[in-house]
Amino acid sequence: MPAASSTVELDLRKQSHGDAVERAELALNVVLDGDRVVVKRRSVGAPSQRDTWVRLTAQRLETFWRAGLE
């Protein structure tokens, strides 16, 4: 996915996010329940096989660099 600029709409309900979910599964060594995924405008969440919840949040690069990691 190309870097978001201030002119590009950031809405995960309208954009593909499957690649980010796959990367998160690999990085966290979990399997997410694809039937129970919750997609909101700027986040995607799902329960894992470990009985934990995984949430991915999207934000613009300029916001990320200004605020840093939470």
PDB file of N, CA and C in Angstrom:
ATOM      1  N   MET A   1       0.854  -1.167   0.000  1.00  0.00           N
ATOM      2  CA  MET A   1       0.000   0.000   0.000  1.00  0.00           C
ATOM      3  C   MET A   1       0.900   1.231   0.000  1.00  0.00           C
ATOM      4  N   PRO A   2       0.632   2.210  -0.842  1.00  0.00           N
ATOM      5  CA  PRO A   2       1.464   3.410  -0.905  1.00  0.00           C
ATOM      6  C   PRO A   2       1.332   4.233   0.369  1.00  0.00           C
ATOM      7  N   ALA A   3       2.343   5.019   0.645  1.00  0.00           N
ATOM      8  CA  ALA A   3       2.311   5.884   1.818  1.00  0.00           C
ATOM      9  C   ALA A   3       1.153   6.862   1.705  1.00  0.00           C
ATOM     10  N   ALA A   4       0.463   7.044   2.808  1.00  0.00           N
ATOM     11  CA  ALA A   4      -0.695   7.937   2.815  1.00  0.00           C
ATOM     12  C   ALA A   4      -0.220   9.380   2.884  1.00  0.00           C
ATOM     13  N   SER A   5      -0.798  10.203   2.063  1.00  0.00           N
ATOM     14  CA  SER A   5      -0.529  11.632   2.150  1.00  0.00           C
ATOM     15  C   SER A   5      -1.785  12.306   2.650  1.00  0.00           C
ATOM     16  N   SER A   6      -1.700  13.582   2.924  1.00  0.00           N
ATOM     17  CA  SER A   6      -2.851  14.275   3.479  1.00  0.00           C
ATOM     18  C   SER A   6      -4.005  14.371   2.486  1.00  0.00           C
ATOM     19  N   THR A   7      -3.764  14.058   1.208  1.00  0.00           N
ATOM     20  CA  THR A   7      -4.844  14.106   0.232  1.00  0.00           C
ATOM     21  C   THR A   7      -5.485  12.733   0.011  1.00  0.00           C
ATOM     22  N   VAL A   8      -4.886  11.680   0.541  1.00  0.00           N
ATOM     23  CA  VAL A   8      -5.407  10.331   0.369  1.00  0.00           C
ATOM     24  C   VAL A   8      -6.267   9.975   1.572  1.00  0.00           C
ATOM     25  N   GLU A   9      -7.457   9.451   1.302  1.00  0.00           N
ATOM     26  CA  GLU A   9      -8.357   9.058   2.374  1.00  0.00           C
ATOM     27  C   GLU A   9      -7.817   7.808   3.069  1.00  0.00           C
ATOM     28  N   LEU A  10      -7.792   7.827   4.388  1.00  0.00           N
ATOM     29  CA  LEU A  10      -7.327   6.694   5.174  1.00  0.00           C
ATOM     30  C   LEU A  10      -8.544   6.025   5.795  1.00  0.00           C
ATOM     31  N   ASP A  11      -9.044   4.976   5.138  1.00  0.00           N
ATOM     32  CA  ASP A  11     -10.231   4.272   5.612  1.00  0.00           C
ATOM     33  C   ASP A  11     -10.058   2.791   5.311  1.00  0.00           C
ATOM     34  N   LEU A  12      -9.761   2.001   6.342  1.00  0.00           N
ATOM     35  CA  LEU A  12      -9.502   0.571   6.157  1.00  0.00           C
ATOM     36  C   LEU A  12     -10.743  -0.201   5.739  1.00  0.00           C
ATOM     37  N   ARG A  13     -11.922   0.394   5.915  1.00  0.00           N
ATOM     38  CA  ARG A  13     -13.138  -0.276   5.458  1.00  0.00           C
ATOM     39  C   ARG A  13     -13.192  -0.307   3.937  1.00  0.00           C
ATOM     40  N   LYS A  14     -12.460   0.616   3.295  1.00  0.00           N
ATOM     41  CA  LYS A  14     -12.491   0.729   1.838  1.00  0.00           C
ATOM     42  C   LYS A  14     -11.196   0.274   1.185  1.00  0.00           C
ATOM     43  N   GLN A  15     -10.159  -0.011   1.988  1.00  0.00           N
ATOM     44  CA  GLN A  15      -8.855  -0.373   1.438  1.00  0.00           C
ATOM     45  C   GLN A  15      -8.477  -1.788   1.862  1.00  0.00           C
ATOM     46  N   SER A  16      -7.638  -2.411   1.066  1.00  0.00           N
ATOM     47  CA  SER A  16      -7.148  -3.737   1.382  1.00  0.00           C
ATOM     48  C   SER A  16      -6.230  -3.681   2.598  1.00  0.00           C
ATOM     49  N   HIS A  17      -6.402  -4.615   3.518  1.00  0.00           N
ATOM     50  CA  HIS A  17      -5.553  -4.672   4.702  1.00  0.00           C
ATOM     51  C   HIS A  17      -5.082  -6.096   4.987  1.00  0.00           C
ATOM     52  N   GLY A  18      -5.378  -7.013   4.086  1.00  0.00           N
ATOM     53  CA  GLY A  18      -5.013  -8.421   4.280  1.00  0.00           C
ATOM     54  C   GLY A  18      -3.528  -8.646   4.434  1.00  0.00           C
ATOM     55  N   ASP A  19      -2.720  -7.895   3.682  1.00  0.00           N
ATOM     56  CA  ASP A  19      -1.267  -8.062   3.783  1.00  0.00           C
ATOM     57  C   ASP A  19      -0.762  -7.652   5.158  1.00  0.00           C
ATOM     58  N   ALA A  20      -1.324  -6.615   5.744  1.00  0.00           N
ATOM     59  CA  ALA A  20      -0.908  -6.177   7.082  1.00  0.00           C
ATOM     60  C   ALA A  20      -1.314  -7.198   8.137  1.00  0.00           C
ATOM     61  N   VAL A  21      -2.488  -7.795   7.965  1.00  0.00           N
ATOM     62  CA  VAL A  21      -2.945  -8.817   8.906  1.00  0.00           C
ATOM     63  C   VAL A  21      -2.022 -10.035   8.831  1.00  0.00           C
ATOM     64  N   GLU A  22      -1.656 -10.446   7.630  1.00  0.00           N
ATOM     65  CA  GLU A  22      -0.743 -11.585   7.472  1.00  0.00           C
ATOM     66  C   GLU A  22       0.617 -11.297   8.104  1.00  0.00           C
ATOM     67  N   ARG A  23       1.145 -10.100   7.902  1.00  0.00           N
ATOM     68  CA  ARG A  23       2.434  -9.736   8.507  1.00  0.00           C
ATOM     69  C   ARG A  23       2.345  -9.745  10.030  1.00  0.00           C
ATOM     70  N   ALA A  24       1.236  -9.265  10.572  1.00  0.00           N
ATOM     71  CA  ALA A  24       1.062  -9.256  12.026  1.00  0.00           C
ATOM     72  C   ALA A  24       0.989 -10.676  12.573  1.00  0.00           C
ATOM     73  N   GLU A  25       0.273 -11.547  11.872  1.00  0.00           N
ATOM     74  CA  GLU A  25       0.208 -12.946  12.310  1.00  0.00           C
ATOM     75  C   GLU A  25       1.599 -13.570  12.369  1.00  0.00           C
ATOM     76  N   LEU A  26       2.400 -13.323  11.331  1.00  0.00           N
ATOM     77  CA  LEU A  26       3.759 -13.870  11.307  1.00  0.00           C
ATOM     78  C   LEU A  26       4.624 -13.258  12.413  1.00  0.00           C
ATOM     79  N   ALA A  27       4.567 -11.949  12.566  1.00  0.00           N
ATOM     80  CA  ALA A  27       5.399 -11.262  13.550  1.00  0.00           C
ATOM     81  C   ALA A  27       5.040 -11.652  14.978  1.00  0.00           C
ATOM     82  N   LEU A  28       3.750 -11.847  15.233  1.00  0.00           N
ATOM     83  CA  LEU A  28       3.290 -12.169  16.585  1.00  0.00           C
ATOM     84  C   LEU A  28       3.160 -13.667  16.828  1.00  0.00           C
ATOM     85  N   ASN A  29       3.357 -14.452  15.768  1.00  0.00           N
ATOM     86  CA  ASN A  29       3.232 -15.910  15.846  1.00  0.00           C
ATOM     87  C   ASN A  29       1.857 -16.327  16.371  1.00  0.00           C
ATOM     88  N   VAL A  30       0.818 -15.751  15.757  1.00  0.00           N
ATOM     89  CA  VAL A  30      -0.562 -16.069  16.120  1.00  0.00           C
ATOM     90  C   VAL A  30      -1.356 -16.345  14.850  1.00  0.00           C
ATOM     91  N   VAL A  31      -2.512 -16.957  15.024  1.00  0.00           N
ATOM     92  CA  VAL A  31      -3.462 -17.139  13.934  1.00  0.00           C
ATOM     93  C   VAL A  31      -4.729 -16.389  14.338  1.00  0.00           C
ATOM     94  N   LEU A  32      -5.135 -15.444  13.497  1.00  0.00           N
ATOM     95  CA  LEU A  32      -6.322 -14.648  13.795  1.00  0.00           C
ATOM     96  C   LEU A  32      -7.564 -15.315  13.222  1.00  0.00           C
ATOM     97  N   ASP A  33      -8.671 -15.157  13.912  1.00  0.00           N
ATOM     98  CA  ASP A  33      -9.943 -15.715  13.476  1.00  0.00           C
ATOM     99  C   ASP A  33     -10.542 -14.799  12.412  1.00  0.00           C
ATOM    100  N   GLY A  34     -10.364 -15.168  11.157  1.00  0.00           N
ATOM    101  CA  GLY A  34     -10.819 -14.353  10.039  1.00  0.00           C
ATOM    102  C   GLY A  34     -12.322 -14.151   9.981  1.00  0.00           C
ATOM    103  N   ASP A  35     -13.087 -15.037  10.632  1.00  0.00           N
ATOM    104  CA  ASP A  35     -14.542 -14.899  10.638  1.00  0.00           C
ATOM    105  C   ASP A  35     -15.020 -13.858  11.647  1.00  0.00           C
ATOM    106  N   ARG A  36     -14.129 -13.432  12.535  1.00  0.00           N
ATOM    107  CA  ARG A  36     -14.533 -12.494  13.592  1.00  0.00           C
ATOM    108  C   ARG A  36     -13.756 -11.185  13.535  1.00  0.00           C
ATOM    109  N   VAL A  37     -13.217 -10.854  12.375  1.00  0.00           N
ATOM    110  CA  VAL A  37     -12.460  -9.613  12.199  1.00  0.00           C
ATOM    111  C   VAL A  37     -13.397  -8.416  12.302  1.00  0.00           C
ATOM    112  N   VAL A  38     -12.947  -7.405  13.033  1.00  0.00           N
ATOM    113  CA  VAL A  38     -13.685  -6.146  13.154  1.00  0.00           C
ATOM    114  C   VAL A  38     -12.875  -5.084  12.419  1.00  0.00           C
ATOM    115  N   VAL A  39     -13.479  -4.485  11.396  1.00  0.00           N
ATOM    116  CA  VAL A  39     -12.791  -3.464  10.602  1.00  0.00           C
ATOM    117  C   VAL A  39     -13.478  -2.133  10.852  1.00  0.00           C
ATOM    118  N   LYS A  40     -12.687  -1.183  11.302  1.00  0.00           N
ATOM    119  CA  LYS A  40     -13.165   0.182  11.500  1.00  0.00           C
ATOM    120  C   LYS A  40     -12.385   1.096  10.575  1.00  0.00           C
ATOM    121  N   ARG A  41     -12.639   2.373  10.657  1.00  0.00           N
ATOM    122  CA  ARG A  41     -12.012   3.307   9.729  1.00  0.00           C
ATOM    123  C   ARG A  41     -10.492   3.256   9.809  1.00  0.00           C
ATOM    124  N   ARG A  42      -9.934   3.234  10.998  1.00  0.00           N
ATOM    125  CA  ARG A  42      -8.473   3.259  11.138  1.00  0.00           C
ATOM    126  C   ARG A  42      -7.908   2.078  11.907  1.00  0.00           C
ATOM    127  N   SER A  43      -8.699   1.040  12.152  1.00  0.00           N
ATOM    128  CA  SER A  43      -8.149  -0.119  12.844  1.00  0.00           C
ATOM    129  C   SER A  43      -8.812  -1.403  12.365  1.00  0.00           C
ATOM    130  N   VAL A  44      -8.058  -2.481  12.526  1.00  0.00           N
ATOM    131  CA  VAL A  44      -8.535  -3.827  12.221  1.00  0.00           C
ATOM    132  C   VAL A  44      -8.204  -4.666  13.444  1.00  0.00           C
ATOM    133  N   GLY A  45      -9.156  -5.409  13.955  1.00  0.00           N
ATOM    134  CA  GLY A  45      -8.912  -6.238  15.121  1.00  0.00           C
ATOM    135  C   GLY A  45      -9.539  -7.601  14.958  1.00  0.00           C
ATOM    136  N   ALA A  46      -8.969  -8.586  15.665  1.00  0.00           N
ATOM    137  CA  ALA A  46      -9.499  -9.943  15.614  1.00  0.00           C
ATOM    138  C   ALA A  46      -8.965 -10.734  16.797  1.00  0.00           C
ATOM    139  N   PRO A  47      -9.735 -11.726  17.250  1.00  0.00           N
ATOM    140  CA  PRO A  47      -9.223 -12.603  18.297  1.00  0.00           C
ATOM    141  C   PRO A  47      -8.219 -13.591  17.700  1.00  0.00           C
ATOM    142  N   SER A  48      -7.288 -14.024  18.537  1.00  0.00           N
ATOM    143  CA  SER A  48      -6.295 -15.002  18.085  1.00  0.00           C
ATOM    144  C   SER A  48      -6.581 -16.356  18.718  1.00  0.00           C
ATOM    145  N   GLN A  49      -5.844 -17.361  18.265  1.00  0.00           N
ATOM    146  CA  GLN A  49      -6.000 -18.700  18.820  1.00  0.00           C
ATOM    147  C   GLN A  49      -5.467 -18.767  20.244  1.00  0.00           C
ATOM    148  N   ARG A  50      -4.768 -17.749  20.696  1.00  0.00           N
ATOM    149  CA  ARG A  50      -4.232 -17.692  22.064  1.00  0.00           C
ATOM    150  C   ARG A  50      -5.196 -17.027  23.044  1.00  0.00           C
ATOM    151  N   ASP A  51      -6.425 -16.787  22.609  1.00  0.00           N
ATOM    152  CA  ASP A  51      -7.421 -16.088  23.427  1.00  0.00           C
ATOM    153  C   ASP A  51      -6.963 -14.671  23.768  1.00  0.00           C
ATOM    154  N   THR A  52      -6.310 -14.016  22.815  1.00  0.00           N
ATOM    155  CA  THR A  52      -5.934 -12.617  22.948  1.00  0.00           C
ATOM    156  C   THR A  52      -6.558 -11.858  21.788  1.00  0.00           C
ATOM    157  N   TRP A  53      -6.594 -10.556  21.906  1.00  0.00           N
ATOM    158  CA  TRP A  53      -7.121  -9.703  20.848  1.00  0.00           C
ATOM    159  C   TRP A  53      -5.958  -8.964  20.205  1.00  0.00           C
ATOM    160  N   VAL A  54      -5.930  -8.958  18.884  1.00  0.00           N
ATOM    161  CA  VAL A  54      -4.890  -8.246  18.148  1.00  0.00           C
ATOM    162  C   VAL A  54      -5.545  -7.091  17.412  1.00  0.00           C
ATOM    163  N   ARG A  55      -5.003  -5.886  17.592  1.00  0.00           N
ATOM    164  CA  ARG A  55      -5.538  -4.724  16.897  1.00  0.00           C
ATOM    165  C   ARG A  55      -4.404  -4.040  16.144  1.00  0.00           C
ATOM    166  N   LEU A  56      -4.648  -3.782  14.873  1.00  0.00           N
ATOM    167  CA  LEU A  56      -3.722  -3.033  14.033  1.00  0.00           C
ATOM    168  C   LEU A  56      -4.342  -1.667  13.794  1.00  0.00           C
ATOM    169  N   THR A  57      -3.557  -0.635  13.978  1.00  0.00           N
ATOM    170  CA  THR A  57      -4.051   0.729  13.797  1.00  0.00           C
ATOM    171  C   THR A  57      -3.267   1.411  12.691  1.00  0.00           C
ATOM    172  N   ALA A  58      -3.969   2.068  11.798  1.00  0.00           N
ATOM    173  CA  ALA A  58      -3.333   2.808  10.708  1.00  0.00           C
ATOM    174  C   ALA A  58      -3.355   4.289  11.044  1.00  0.00           C
ATOM    175  N   GLN A  59      -2.260   4.953  10.725  1.00  0.00           N
ATOM    176  CA  GLN A  59      -2.222   6.405  10.865  1.00  0.00           C
ATOM    177  C   GLN A  59      -1.294   6.982   9.814  1.00  0.00           C
ATOM    178  N   ARG A  60      -1.492   8.221   9.516  1.00  0.00           N
ATOM    179  CA  ARG A  60      -0.667   8.887   8.513  1.00  0.00           C
ATOM    180  C   ARG A  60       0.776   8.988   9.004  1.00  0.00           C
ATOM    181  N   LEU A  61       1.712   8.938   8.056  1.00  0.00           N
ATOM    182  CA  LEU A  61       3.122   9.003   8.423  1.00  0.00           C
ATOM    183  C   LEU A  61       3.460  10.276   9.179  1.00  0.00           C
ATOM    184  N   GLU A  62       2.904  11.399   8.752  1.00  0.00           N
ATOM    185  CA  GLU A  62       3.227  12.650   9.435  1.00  0.00           C
ATOM    186  C   GLU A  62       2.736  12.637  10.882  1.00  0.00           C
ATOM    187  N   THR A  63       1.628  11.978  11.136  1.00  0.00           N
ATOM    188  CA  THR A  63       1.128  11.855  12.514  1.00  0.00           C
ATOM    189  C   THR A  63       1.994  10.899  13.316  1.00  0.00           C
ATOM    190  N   PHE A  64       2.385   9.806  12.691  1.00  0.00           N
ATOM    191  CA  PHE A  64       3.234   8.819  13.346  1.00  0.00           C
ATOM    192  C   PHE A  64       4.549   9.436  13.804  1.00  0.00           C
ATOM    193  N   TRP A  65       5.215  10.122  12.927  1.00  0.00           N
ATOM    194  CA  TRP A  65       6.515  10.700  13.264  1.00  0.00           C
ATOM    195  C   TRP A  65       6.384  11.825  14.286  1.00  0.00           C
ATOM    196  N   ARG A  66       5.294  12.544  14.243  1.00  0.00           N
ATOM    197  CA  ARG A  66       5.108  13.637  15.203  1.00  0.00           C
ATOM    198  C   ARG A  66       4.804  13.084  16.592  1.00  0.00           C
ATOM    199  N   ALA A  67       3.959  12.052  16.672  1.00  0.00           N
ATOM    200  CA  ALA A  67       3.531  11.516  17.967  1.00  0.00           C
ATOM    201  C   ALA A  67       4.454  10.400  18.459  1.00  0.00           C
ATOM    202  N   GLY A  68       5.122   9.689  17.553  1.00  0.00           N
ATOM    203  CA  GLY A  68       5.935   8.555  17.965  1.00  0.00           C
ATOM    204  C   GLY A  68       5.070   7.359  18.280  1.00  0.00           C
ATOM    205  N   LEU A  69       5.666   6.327  18.786  1.00  0.00           N
ATOM    206  CA  LEU A  69       4.926   5.127  19.162  1.00  0.00           C
ATOM    207  C   LEU A  69       4.206   5.343  20.474  1.00  0.00           C
ATOM    208  N   GLU A  70       3.007   4.808  20.553  1.00  0.00           N
ATOM    209  CA  GLU A  70       2.238   4.920  21.802  1.00  0.00           C
ATOM    210  C   GLU A  70       2.557   3.763  22.696  1.00  0.00           C
TER     211      GLU A  70
END
